[in-house]
Amino acid sequence: MAAPFDLNDDNVVVIIGTGAGGGVLANELAQKGVSVVALEAGGRHLPEDFINDEWESFGQLAWLDPRTTSGDWRVAKDFSGLPAWIVKSVGGTTQHWAGASLRFQEHEWKAATTYGNVQGASLLDWPIDAEEMAPWYTKAEDKLGVTRTGNRPGLPGSNNYLVFEKGAKALGYDEVHTGRMAIQTRDDGDRIPCQQTGFCFQGCKWGAKWSAGYVDIPEGEATGNLEVRPQSHVARILHNDAGKVTGVEYYDADGTLQMQKARIVCVAGNSFESPRLLLNSASAMFPDGLANSSGQVGRNYMRHMTGSVYGVFDKPVKMWRGTTMAGIIQDEAKHDPSRGFVGGYELETLSLGLPFMAAFLDPGGWGREFTSALDQYENMAGMWIVGEDMPQETNRVTLNHDVKDQFGLPVANVHFDDHPNDIAMRNHAYKQGQAIYEAVGATRTFPTPPYPSTHNLGTNRMSANARDGVVNKWGQTHDIANLFISDGSQFTTGAAENPTLTIVALAIRQADHIAREMSAQNI
């Protein structure tokens, strides 16, 4: 076990956040002999601590610190303090994610070139491509143990999947299977195989699903090179007169302000907290916040185009049984503008328990129609839509100086308006989702509006030119050589796929780059 690093040790890499980006980066650097201090705002929850109850688990894991929202999205109206369902825990949102692990398609790295000029969208090509990322994706798939990659078998199909698959085949869809999931399926791995409990969003009590919290973090700690400090809420990043970052101030578990010196700082607090931290770190030298010479910090927030479709049948489906999201239709993920929009979407199996159905799905006025659907909960099947949404400069995270958190810091305000492309895509997906269930005899189908999802992307985007974004192809900020962004906020565009695998692949690649640059004495 690592002896704790001294607060004045300015040779450590400080990583802020321990999720898919920060947790993986911390382990990868520790494995390479680099000294790492990882600061995590949340506590520590191992598989035995997880609670298989929706509301209690939500209270245990969700990030419930104050935030505010604006814009025309439904979330601002119905869940104004909860713009996304993300986790405050060692391991971040990998504690509660469903496990879907998909590579971006080749064209999605070059959305501006592929889609052309989309009015109102701030599309930009990534400064990396599919060929460059392929070996890193393979490393990520092996780390996560992703099914249907590297000779790992797929998960079995639940009833919810079987209904979904039968309807999809009836519509002529081909790319239908139980998904590429970061969930153990065999007895020969380091993790117990999936027990089909169905509480994937509440933390996997078996540890079958990969999480940075109970896989990468303990591996990193075992090297002696990683110290994790839970319940450490970072307030600001400090810098010297030369404009290099020198350390971070954070509130410890007792609420005492501490300062950890650093050789390099890597920010991995997700697309709300990462830009908020850069903006809250403004100084005389950087009056608009750190790494913000372009004015792009906080801009181009993406959350994926989402929505759900439920079908009611005359026989029980019991959709809550089995792995929550082990079921995908990928045929619509292509780019085919003849459908009336650019980019594409995935359809994935989903089930919510009754408490969350009641909380998230009633769009404010269904009344009896909604309650009668819940009466038939046993007979329901469910799917989730996830598609590429358009980046827009005006969709952004800013500081709300009128609302402060428990430490007196301005909170993040999240502003989001749907782009017309998002609406056209969602309507197409609703129609297809309903047709899938109708093809297998659904007595009723109903599309439901988007609720707070976990896919937070953009706000510190990657760009070839410093004027267009916040970081370069390595996640290194254009303005400050020893300041990195290591989470989904560096996404230039969102693609149609669930983002975790790409965040992990970028983190493994970034660790390689940082270790190389450190040994060359470049940073």
Protein backbone atom coordinates (compact mmCIF):
# COMPACT_ATOMS: atom_id res chain seq x y z
CA MET A 1 0.00 0.00 0.00
CA ALA A 2 1.33 3.45 -0.82
CA ALA A 3 2.46 5.57 2.03
CA PRO A 4 0.46 8.78 1.74
CA PHE A 5 2.15 11.38 -0.41
CA ASP A 6 3.16 14.62 1.26
CA LEU A 7 1.06 17.70 0.52
CA ASN A 8 4.27 19.46 -0.52
CA ASP A 9 5.43 16.71 -2.91
CA ASP A 10 5.43 18.58 -6.21
CA ASN A 11 6.44 15.51 -8.21
CA VAL A 12 3.01 13.82 -8.05
CA VAL A 13 0.38 13.77 -10.76
CA VAL A 14 -2.89 14.95 -9.21
CA ILE A 15 -6.01 13.45 -10.81
CA ILE A 16 -9.38 14.99 -9.96
CA GLY A 17 -12.14 12.36 -10.19
CA THR A 18 -11.87 8.56 -10.27
CA GLY A 19 -14.39 7.45 -12.92
CA ALA A 20 -13.90 5.95 -16.37
CA GLY A 21 -11.32 8.63 -17.18
CA GLY A 22 -9.64 9.49 -13.89
CA GLY A 23 -9.78 6.05 -12.28
CA VAL A 24 -8.28 4.35 -15.33
CA LEU A 25 -5.67 7.07 -15.79
CA ALA A 26 -4.66 6.76 -12.10
CA ASN A 27 -4.15 2.99 -12.41
CA GLU A 28 -2.36 3.16 -15.77
CA LEU A 29 0.10 5.81 -14.49
CA ALA A 30 0.65 3.93 -11.22
CA GLN A 31 1.46 0.77 -13.21
CA LYS A 32 4.14 2.77 -15.05
CA GLY A 33 5.78 3.87 -11.77
CA VAL A 34 4.33 7.39 -11.71
CA SER A 35 3.31 8.81 -8.29
CA VAL A 36 -0.40 9.68 -8.32
CA VAL A 37 -2.74 11.39 -5.86
CA ALA A 38 -6.38 10.91 -6.88
CA LEU A 39 -8.90 13.26 -5.30
CA GLU A 40 -12.52 12.06 -5.25
CA ALA A 41 -15.44 14.15 -3.98
CA GLY A 42 -17.43 11.03 -3.06
CA GLY A 43 -16.93 8.20 -0.60
CA ARG A 44 -15.86 4.64 -1.23
CA HIS A 45 -18.41 1.93 -2.09
CA LEU A 46 -17.36 -1.64 -2.81
CA PRO A 47 -19.71 -4.31 -4.22
CA GLU A 48 -20.77 -5.48 -0.75
CA ASP A 49 -21.87 -1.89 0.07
CA PHE A 50 -24.26 -1.51 -2.88
CA ILE A 51 -27.99 -1.44 -2.12
CA ASN A 52 -30.34 -3.32 -4.46
CA ASP A 53 -33.17 -0.83 -4.04
CA GLU A 54 -33.68 2.00 -6.49
CA TRP A 55 -34.38 4.91 -4.16
CA GLU A 56 -31.94 3.94 -1.43
CA SER A 57 -29.21 3.30 -3.97
CA PHE A 58 -29.88 6.65 -5.62
CA GLY A 59 -29.41 8.34 -2.25
CA GLN A 60 -26.21 6.37 -1.67
CA LEU A 61 -24.49 6.95 -5.01
CA ALA A 62 -25.96 9.91 -6.93
CA TRP A 63 -24.29 13.32 -7.11
CA LEU A 64 -26.85 15.42 -5.27
CA ASP A 65 -24.86 18.62 -4.69
CA PRO A 66 -26.77 21.66 -6.00
CA ARG A 67 -26.80 22.46 -9.70
CA THR A 68 -29.14 24.58 -11.79
CA THR A 69 -30.51 24.23 -15.32
CA SER A 70 -31.91 26.36 -18.13
CA GLY A 71 -32.99 25.89 -21.73
CA ASP A 72 -35.93 24.21 -23.45
CA TRP A 73 -35.08 20.60 -22.52
CA ARG A 74 -37.61 18.77 -20.40
CA VAL A 75 -35.01 18.13 -17.67
CA ALA A 76 -34.85 21.86 -16.84
CA LYS A 77 -38.59 21.82 -16.17
CA ASP A 78 -39.06 18.52 -14.35
CA PHE A 79 -35.64 17.81 -12.79
CA SER A 80 -34.13 21.28 -12.52
CA GLY A 81 -31.58 20.29 -9.87
CA LEU A 82 -30.67 17.00 -11.56
CA PRO A 83 -29.41 17.63 -15.09
CA ALA A 84 -27.87 14.15 -15.22
CA TRP A 85 -27.88 11.00 -13.13
CA ILE A 86 -24.20 10.75 -12.28
CA VAL A 87 -22.39 9.25 -9.32
CA LYS A 88 -20.38 10.70 -6.43
CA SER A 89 -18.21 7.76 -5.39
CA VAL A 90 -14.76 6.30 -5.96
CA GLY A 91 -15.23 4.86 -9.46
CA GLY A 92 -17.54 7.67 -10.52
CA THR A 93 -20.40 6.80 -12.83
CA THR A 94 -18.77 3.45 -13.69
CA GLN A 95 -20.36 2.32 -10.40
CA HIS A 96 -23.87 2.75 -11.87
CA TRP A 97 -23.40 2.47 -15.63
CA ALA A 98 -25.09 -0.41 -17.48
CA GLY A 99 -21.88 -1.67 -19.11
CA ALA A 100 -22.55 -1.03 -22.82
CA SER A 101 -19.12 -0.73 -24.49
CA LEU A 102 -19.16 0.25 -28.14
CA ARG A 103 -16.50 1.65 -30.43
CA PHE A 104 -17.19 4.81 -32.40
CA GLN A 105 -17.73 4.18 -36.11
CA GLU A 106 -15.07 5.48 -38.46
CA HIS A 107 -17.15 8.37 -39.80
CA GLU A 108 -18.06 9.60 -36.32
CA TRP A 109 -14.51 10.86 -35.69
CA LYS A 110 -15.00 13.25 -38.63
CA ALA A 111 -18.55 14.52 -38.16
CA ALA A 112 -17.94 17.96 -39.66
CA THR A 113 -16.51 16.44 -42.85
CA THR A 114 -19.10 13.65 -43.04
CA TYR A 115 -22.25 15.63 -42.21
CA GLY A 116 -21.30 18.89 -43.85
CA ASN A 117 -22.67 22.20 -42.66
CA VAL A 118 -25.55 21.60 -40.23
CA GLN A 119 -27.16 24.94 -39.40
CA GLY A 120 -26.84 25.88 -35.72
CA ALA A 121 -24.45 23.02 -34.96
CA SER A 122 -20.80 23.63 -34.02
CA LEU A 123 -19.55 20.41 -35.61
CA LEU A 124 -15.81 19.82 -35.66
CA ASP A 125 -13.67 16.85 -36.72
CA TRP A 126 -11.74 15.12 -33.94
CA PRO A 127 -7.96 15.48 -34.29
CA ILE A 128 -7.75 11.66 -34.07
CA ASP A 129 -9.38 8.89 -36.10
CA ALA A 130 -10.52 5.27 -35.99
CA GLU A 131 -7.18 3.86 -37.15
CA GLU A 132 -5.23 5.67 -34.43
CA MET A 133 -7.72 4.61 -31.76
CA ALA A 134 -8.06 0.93 -32.77
CA PRO A 135 -5.17 -0.44 -30.65
CA TRP A 136 -6.31 1.62 -27.64
CA TYR A 137 -9.86 0.34 -28.05
CA THR A 138 -8.51 -3.23 -27.98
CA LYS A 139 -6.65 -2.48 -24.72
CA ALA A 140 -9.82 -0.96 -23.27
CA GLU A 141 -11.95 -3.96 -24.30
CA ASP A 142 -9.44 -6.33 -22.69
CA LYS A 143 -9.33 -4.26 -19.49
CA LEU A 144 -13.11 -4.15 -19.24
CA GLY A 145 -13.63 -7.74 -20.43
CA VAL A 146 -16.09 -6.61 -23.10
CA THR A 147 -18.33 -9.38 -24.45
CA ARG A 148 -18.23 -10.17 -28.19
CA THR A 149 -14.65 -8.85 -28.38
CA GLY A 150 -11.44 -10.86 -27.91
CA ASN A 151 -13.27 -14.24 -28.05
CA ARG A 152 -15.46 -13.36 -25.06
CA PRO A 153 -18.99 -14.75 -25.46
CA GLY A 154 -22.10 -12.57 -25.33
CA LEU A 155 -24.51 -12.48 -22.41
CA PRO A 156 -27.70 -14.56 -22.50
CA GLY A 157 -30.87 -12.79 -23.62
CA SER A 158 -33.53 -11.91 -21.04
CA ASN A 159 -37.27 -11.92 -21.81
CA ASN A 160 -37.01 -8.19 -22.43
CA TYR A 161 -34.32 -8.96 -25.03
CA LEU A 162 -36.26 -11.80 -26.65
CA VAL A 163 -39.29 -9.53 -27.28
CA PHE A 164 -36.96 -6.79 -28.59
CA GLU A 165 -35.07 -9.21 -30.87
CA LYS A 166 -38.21 -10.81 -32.30
CA GLY A 167 -39.70 -7.41 -33.16
CA ALA A 168 -36.41 -6.21 -34.64
CA LYS A 169 -36.11 -9.28 -36.89
CA ALA A 170 -39.74 -8.84 -37.99
CA LEU A 171 -38.82 -5.32 -39.15
CA GLY A 172 -35.81 -6.65 -41.07
CA TYR A 173 -33.08 -5.44 -38.73
CA ASP A 174 -29.87 -7.52 -38.88
CA GLU A 175 -27.49 -6.10 -36.29
CA VAL A 176 -29.32 -7.38 -33.22
CA HIS A 177 -27.62 -9.12 -30.29
CA THR A 178 -27.10 -8.89 -26.52
CA GLY A 179 -24.49 -6.20 -26.94
CA ARG A 180 -20.86 -5.58 -26.20
CA MET A 181 -20.97 -5.36 -22.43
CA ALA A 182 -18.23 -4.85 -19.81
CA ILE A 183 -19.73 -7.71 -17.82
CA GLN A 184 -18.06 -11.02 -17.07
CA THR A 185 -19.75 -13.97 -18.82
CA ARG A 186 -17.39 -16.85 -17.98
CA ASP A 187 -15.75 -18.40 -14.92
CA ASP A 188 -12.23 -17.90 -16.21
CA GLY A 189 -11.84 -14.19 -15.54
CA ASP A 190 -10.87 -12.13 -12.49
CA ARG A 191 -14.52 -11.25 -11.84
CA ILE A 192 -17.51 -13.44 -10.93
CA PRO A 193 -19.78 -14.00 -13.97
CA CYS A 194 -23.05 -12.07 -14.24
CA GLN A 195 -25.76 -13.47 -11.96
CA GLN A 196 -28.61 -11.78 -13.90
CA THR A 197 -29.83 -9.90 -10.81
CA GLY A 198 -31.06 -6.92 -12.81
CA PHE A 199 -29.79 -4.11 -10.55
CA CYS A 200 -27.07 -2.94 -12.95
CA PHE A 201 -27.82 0.75 -12.24
CA GLN A 202 -27.60 0.24 -8.47
CA GLY A 203 -24.01 -1.02 -8.48
CA CYS A 204 -23.17 -4.65 -9.26
CA LYS A 205 -23.15 -6.55 -5.95
CA TRP A 206 -21.30 -9.42 -7.65
CA GLY A 207 -18.58 -7.26 -9.16
CA ALA A 208 -19.30 -8.96 -12.51
CA LYS A 209 -19.60 -5.56 -14.20
CA TRP A 210 -16.38 -3.57 -14.56
CA SER A 211 -16.06 -0.44 -12.45
CA ALA A 212 -12.99 1.73 -11.96
CA GLY A 213 -13.96 1.80 -8.27
CA TYR A 214 -13.36 -1.87 -7.50
CA VAL A 215 -11.12 -2.91 -10.42
CA ASP A 216 -8.69 -0.18 -11.51
CA ILE A 217 -8.40 1.77 -8.26
CA PRO A 218 -7.37 -1.24 -6.09
CA GLU A 219 -4.99 -2.39 -8.86
CA GLY A 220 -3.34 1.02 -8.85
CA GLU A 221 -3.14 1.14 -5.06
CA ALA A 222 -1.47 -2.29 -5.02
CA THR A 223 1.53 -0.82 -6.89
CA GLY A 224 2.26 1.56 -4.00
CA ASN A 225 2.21 4.49 -6.46
CA LEU A 226 -1.42 5.59 -6.05
CA GLU A 227 -3.04 7.30 -3.09
CA VAL A 228 -6.81 7.88 -3.31
CA ARG A 229 -8.32 10.54 -1.06
CA PRO A 230 -12.10 10.10 -0.92
CA GLN A 231 -14.42 12.89 0.25
CA SER A 232 -11.99 15.44 -1.14
CA HIS A 233 -13.84 18.19 -2.96
CA VAL A 234 -11.54 20.23 -5.21
CA ALA A 235 -12.15 23.97 -5.06
CA ARG A 236 -9.59 25.37 -7.49
CA ILE A 237 -6.41 24.68 -9.42
CA LEU A 238 -3.46 26.95 -8.65
CA HIS A 239 -0.70 28.20 -10.98
CA ASN A 240 2.55 30.14 -10.86
CA ASP A 241 3.66 33.35 -12.57
CA ALA A 242 4.84 31.36 -15.57
CA GLY A 243 1.28 30.07 -16.11
CA LYS A 244 2.05 26.45 -15.15
CA VAL A 245 -0.30 24.71 -12.72
CA THR A 246 1.33 24.01 -9.36
CA GLY A 247 -1.31 22.24 -7.29
CA VAL A 248 -4.92 22.08 -6.18
CA GLU A 249 -6.87 23.33 -3.21
CA TYR A 250 -9.49 20.93 -1.89
CA TYR A 251 -11.82 20.53 1.05
CA ASP A 252 -11.12 17.29 2.93
CA ALA A 253 -13.64 15.03 4.69
CA ASP A 254 -13.73 17.44 7.65
CA GLY A 255 -14.33 20.47 5.43
CA THR A 256 -10.78 21.76 6.00
CA LEU A 257 -9.11 23.45 3.04
CA GLN A 258 -5.93 21.60 2.00
CA MET A 259 -3.41 22.24 -0.78
CA GLN A 260 -1.72 19.42 -2.68
CA LYS A 261 1.23 20.42 -4.85
CA ALA A 262 1.52 18.78 -8.27
CA ARG A 263 3.81 18.34 -11.25
CA ILE A 264 0.80 17.72 -13.50
CA VAL A 265 -2.95 18.10 -12.90
CA CYS A 266 -5.51 15.96 -14.75
CA VAL A 267 -9.17 16.96 -14.52
CA ALA A 268 -11.72 14.12 -14.74
CA GLY A 269 -14.79 15.42 -12.94
CA ASN A 270 -17.25 14.90 -15.87
CA SER A 271 -18.72 17.49 -18.21
CA PHE A 272 -20.27 19.58 -15.42
CA GLU A 273 -17.63 19.61 -12.71
CA SER A 274 -14.57 19.80 -15.00
CA PRO A 275 -15.53 23.09 -16.71
CA ARG A 276 -16.90 24.39 -13.42
CA LEU A 277 -13.50 23.80 -11.80
CA LEU A 278 -11.62 25.53 -14.63
CA LEU A 279 -14.00 28.51 -14.42
CA ASN A 280 -13.83 28.63 -10.61
CA SER A 281 -10.00 28.71 -10.92
CA ALA A 282 -9.97 32.10 -12.65
CA SER A 283 -7.11 34.40 -11.64
CA ALA A 284 -5.54 37.71 -12.63
CA MET A 285 -3.50 35.89 -15.28
CA PHE A 286 -6.49 33.81 -16.44
CA PRO A 287 -9.51 36.07 -15.80
CA ASP A 288 -11.90 33.86 -17.83
CA GLY A 289 -10.83 30.64 -16.11
CA LEU A 290 -8.01 28.20 -16.77
CA ALA A 291 -7.37 26.90 -20.30
CA ASN A 292 -10.05 29.22 -21.65
CA SER A 293 -8.23 31.54 -24.06
CA SER A 294 -10.60 30.24 -26.76
CA GLY A 295 -13.72 30.97 -24.70
CA GLN A 296 -14.70 27.34 -25.31
CA VAL A 297 -14.60 26.03 -21.71
CA GLY A 298 -18.12 24.91 -20.85
CA ARG A 299 -19.43 25.15 -24.43
CA ASN A 300 -20.73 22.43 -26.77
CA TYR A 301 -22.35 20.37 -24.00
CA MET A 302 -23.83 17.13 -25.35
CA ARG A 303 -25.94 14.57 -23.51
CA HIS A 304 -26.91 12.25 -26.37
CA MET A 305 -30.30 12.29 -28.04
CA THR A 306 -32.34 10.03 -25.75
CA GLY A 307 -35.86 8.84 -25.06
CA SER A 308 -37.54 5.53 -24.33
CA VAL A 309 -40.24 3.33 -25.78
CA TYR A 310 -42.32 0.89 -23.74
CA GLY A 311 -44.66 -1.79 -25.00
CA VAL A 312 -47.48 -3.50 -23.07
CA PHE A 313 -48.26 -7.14 -23.93
CA ASP A 314 -51.02 -9.57 -23.02
CA LYS A 315 -48.51 -11.87 -21.27
CA PRO A 316 -45.87 -11.20 -18.61
CA VAL A 317 -42.43 -10.07 -19.81
CA LYS A 318 -40.90 -9.20 -16.41
CA MET A 319 -38.43 -6.86 -18.07
CA TRP A 320 -36.55 -6.22 -14.82
CA ARG A 321 -35.05 -9.72 -14.87
CA GLY A 322 -31.58 -10.18 -16.31
CA THR A 323 -28.88 -7.76 -17.38
CA THR A 324 -30.48 -4.33 -17.86
CA MET A 325 -28.92 -3.25 -21.15
CA ALA A 326 -27.83 -6.56 -22.75
CA GLY A 327 -29.69 -5.98 -26.00
CA ILE A 328 -28.95 -3.69 -28.91
CA ILE A 329 -30.12 -2.90 -32.45
CA GLN A 330 -27.36 -1.14 -34.38
CA ASP A 331 -28.91 -0.89 -37.87
CA GLU A 332 -30.02 2.74 -37.33
CA ALA A 333 -26.60 3.87 -36.06
CA LYS A 334 -25.43 4.54 -39.62
CA HIS A 335 -25.28 7.97 -41.24
CA ASP A 336 -28.16 8.11 -43.73
CA PRO A 337 -29.53 11.63 -44.25
CA SER A 338 -32.46 10.29 -46.31
CA ARG A 339 -34.14 9.66 -42.91
CA GLY A 340 -34.28 13.43 -42.37
CA PHE A 341 -31.29 13.87 -40.01
CA VAL A 342 -27.52 13.41 -39.88
CA GLY A 343 -25.86 10.79 -37.67
CA GLY A 344 -27.59 7.79 -36.19
CA TYR A 345 -28.87 6.10 -33.06
CA GLU A 346 -28.75 2.82 -31.16
CA LEU A 347 -31.77 1.09 -29.60
CA GLU A 348 -30.93 -0.73 -26.35
CA THR A 349 -32.95 -2.77 -23.87
CA LEU A 350 -33.86 -0.95 -20.67
CA SER A 351 -35.93 -1.56 -17.59
CA LEU A 352 -36.73 0.76 -14.73
CA GLY A 353 -38.27 -0.40 -11.47
CA LEU A 354 -41.67 0.91 -10.39
CA PRO A 355 -40.27 3.71 -8.19
CA PHE A 356 -38.25 5.15 -11.07
CA MET A 357 -41.04 4.56 -13.60
CA ALA A 358 -43.32 6.65 -11.44
CA ALA A 359 -40.68 9.34 -10.88
CA PHE A 360 -39.20 9.68 -14.35
CA LEU A 361 -41.77 8.67 -16.92
CA ASP A 362 -45.03 10.48 -16.22
CA PRO A 363 -44.67 13.58 -18.38
CA GLY A 364 -46.90 15.73 -16.25
CA GLY A 365 -50.38 14.88 -17.37
CA TRP A 366 -51.06 11.36 -18.47
CA GLY A 367 -53.15 10.69 -15.41
CA ARG A 368 -55.15 7.48 -15.63
CA GLU A 369 -53.51 6.43 -18.89
CA PHE A 370 -50.15 6.37 -17.14
CA THR A 371 -51.32 4.63 -13.97
CA SER A 372 -53.07 1.95 -16.02
CA ALA A 373 -49.77 1.30 -17.80
CA LEU A 374 -48.04 0.87 -14.44
CA ASP A 375 -50.80 -1.58 -13.43
CA GLN A 376 -49.52 -3.74 -16.29
CA TYR A 377 -45.88 -3.37 -15.28
CA GLU A 378 -45.32 -7.17 -15.39
CA ASN A 379 -46.39 -7.21 -19.04
CA MET A 380 -44.15 -4.34 -20.16
CA ALA A 381 -41.02 -4.39 -22.30
CA GLY A 382 -38.71 -1.38 -22.50
CA MET A 383 -36.00 0.10 -24.67
CA TRP A 384 -33.79 3.17 -24.57
CA ILE A 385 -32.80 5.33 -27.52
CA VAL A 386 -29.28 6.77 -27.62
CA GLY A 387 -28.14 8.82 -30.60
CA GLU A 388 -25.68 11.46 -31.67
CA ASP A 389 -26.80 14.92 -30.66
CA MET A 390 -25.46 18.04 -32.29
CA PRO A 391 -22.92 20.14 -30.42
CA GLN A 392 -24.07 23.73 -30.07
CA GLU A 393 -21.97 26.58 -28.68
CA THR A 394 -24.98 27.81 -26.72
CA ASN A 395 -25.46 24.46 -24.96
CA ARG A 396 -23.07 25.12 -22.15
CA VAL A 397 -22.04 24.93 -18.54
CA THR A 398 -21.55 28.28 -16.81
CA LEU A 399 -21.12 29.36 -13.20
CA ASN A 400 -24.27 30.34 -11.32
CA HIS A 401 -22.99 32.99 -8.91
CA ASP A 402 -26.37 33.19 -7.19
CA VAL A 403 -26.27 29.57 -6.00
CA LYS A 404 -23.37 28.26 -3.92
CA ASP A 405 -22.49 24.72 -2.88
CA GLN A 406 -21.71 23.59 0.68
CA PHE A 407 -18.21 25.13 0.37
CA GLY A 408 -19.44 28.50 -0.89
CA LEU A 409 -18.40 27.89 -4.50
CA PRO A 410 -20.66 28.93 -7.41
CA VAL A 411 -22.43 25.88 -8.84
CA ALA A 412 -22.70 24.75 -12.45
CA ASN A 413 -25.67 25.90 -14.49
CA VAL A 414 -26.38 23.54 -17.37
CA HIS A 415 -28.11 25.13 -20.37
CA PHE A 416 -29.44 22.86 -23.11
CA ASP A 417 -31.76 23.28 -26.08
CA ASP A 418 -32.55 20.45 -28.48
CA HIS A 419 -31.21 20.96 -31.99
CA PRO A 420 -33.75 20.33 -34.81
CA ASN A 421 -31.60 17.34 -35.86
CA ASP A 422 -32.01 15.84 -32.37
CA ILE A 423 -35.80 16.20 -32.55
CA ALA A 424 -36.02 14.66 -36.04
CA MET A 425 -33.85 11.74 -34.92
CA ARG A 426 -35.86 11.18 -31.73
CA ASN A 427 -39.16 11.14 -33.63
CA HIS A 428 -37.76 8.61 -36.11
CA ALA A 429 -36.53 6.44 -33.24
CA TYR A 430 -39.89 6.62 -31.43
CA LYS A 431 -41.63 5.43 -34.60
CA GLN A 432 -39.19 2.54 -35.08
CA GLY A 433 -39.29 1.55 -31.42
CA GLN A 434 -43.07 1.43 -31.41
CA ALA A 435 -43.07 -0.56 -34.67
CA ILE A 436 -40.73 -3.13 -33.09
CA TYR A 437 -43.15 -3.82 -30.25
CA GLU A 438 -46.22 -3.68 -32.50
CA ALA A 439 -44.63 -6.32 -34.74
CA VAL A 440 -44.75 -8.77 -31.82
CA GLY A 441 -48.30 -8.01 -30.76
CA ALA A 442 -48.02 -5.17 -28.24
CA THR A 443 -51.46 -4.07 -27.06
CA ARG A 444 -50.11 -0.57 -26.39
CA THR A 445 -46.86 1.27 -27.05
CA PHE A 446 -45.80 4.57 -25.67
CA PRO A 447 -42.73 6.72 -26.24
CA THR A 448 -41.51 8.61 -23.19
CA PRO A 449 -39.54 11.85 -23.12
CA PRO A 450 -35.85 11.96 -22.18
CA TYR A 451 -35.08 11.78 -18.48
CA PRO A 452 -31.76 12.57 -16.79
CA SER A 453 -29.25 10.27 -18.45
CA THR A 454 -25.60 9.71 -17.59
CA HIS A 455 -23.93 10.57 -20.88
CA ASN A 456 -22.32 13.94 -20.25
CA LEU A 457 -20.06 14.95 -23.11
CA GLY A 458 -18.26 17.99 -24.46
CA THR A 459 -17.57 21.26 -22.56
CA ASN A 460 -13.73 20.97 -22.87
CA ARG A 461 -13.55 19.70 -26.41
CA MET A 462 -10.57 18.34 -28.31
CA SER A 463 -9.48 20.38 -31.34
CA ALA A 464 -6.56 20.60 -33.74
CA ASN A 465 -6.58 24.40 -33.43
CA ALA A 466 -6.40 26.12 -30.04
CA ARG A 467 -9.08 28.62 -31.07
CA ASP A 468 -11.69 25.87 -31.63
CA GLY A 469 -11.50 23.98 -28.36
CA VAL A 470 -9.79 23.41 -25.02
CA VAL A 471 -7.44 20.42 -25.43
CA ASN A 472 -5.21 18.88 -28.10
CA LYS A 473 -5.29 15.26 -29.32
CA TRP A 474 -3.72 14.05 -26.03
CA GLY A 475 -6.24 15.83 -23.80
CA GLN A 476 -3.53 18.35 -22.93
CA THR A 477 -4.94 21.87 -22.62
CA HIS A 478 -3.84 24.16 -25.44
CA ASP A 479 -2.99 26.91 -22.96
CA ILE A 480 -1.22 25.10 -20.10
CA ALA A 481 1.21 22.25 -20.87
CA ASN A 482 0.90 20.50 -17.49
CA LEU A 483 -2.90 20.63 -17.28
CA PHE A 484 -4.89 17.78 -18.85
CA ILE A 485 -8.57 16.89 -19.30
CA SER A 486 -9.16 13.16 -18.86
CA ASP A 487 -12.92 12.56 -19.07
CA GLY A 488 -15.83 12.74 -21.51
CA SER A 489 -15.72 16.53 -21.49
CA GLN A 490 -12.89 16.31 -24.06
CA PHE A 491 -15.30 14.77 -26.63
CA THR A 492 -15.39 16.84 -29.82
CA THR A 493 -18.63 15.19 -30.95
CA GLY A 494 -20.77 12.56 -29.26
CA ALA A 495 -21.26 9.76 -31.84
CA ALA A 496 -24.20 7.38 -31.42
CA GLU A 497 -22.44 5.02 -29.02
CA ASN A 498 -22.43 4.89 -25.22
CA PRO A 499 -19.23 6.80 -24.38
CA THR A 500 -17.50 4.84 -21.59
CA LEU A 501 -15.33 2.59 -23.77
CA THR A 502 -14.01 5.63 -25.64
CA ILE A 503 -13.30 7.50 -22.37
CA VAL A 504 -11.34 4.46 -21.12
CA ALA A 505 -9.43 4.05 -24.41
CA LEU A 506 -8.49 7.76 -24.37
CA ALA A 507 -7.36 7.47 -20.72
CA ILE A 508 -5.08 4.49 -21.46
CA ARG A 509 -3.63 6.40 -24.41
CA GLN A 510 -3.24 9.57 -22.35
CA ALA A 511 -1.38 7.70 -19.57
CA ASP A 512 1.06 6.40 -22.17
CA HIS A 513 1.60 9.94 -23.46
CA ILE A 514 1.98 11.54 -20.01
CA ALA A 515 4.48 8.91 -18.80
CA ARG A 516 6.51 9.36 -22.01
CA GLU A 517 6.50 13.17 -21.73
CA MET A 518 7.45 13.01 -18.04
CA SER A 519 10.44 10.77 -18.68
CA ALA A 520 11.53 13.05 -21.54
CA GLN A 521 11.29 15.96 -19.02
CA ASN A 522 8.88 17.77 -21.35
CA ILE A 523 6.30 18.27 -18.59
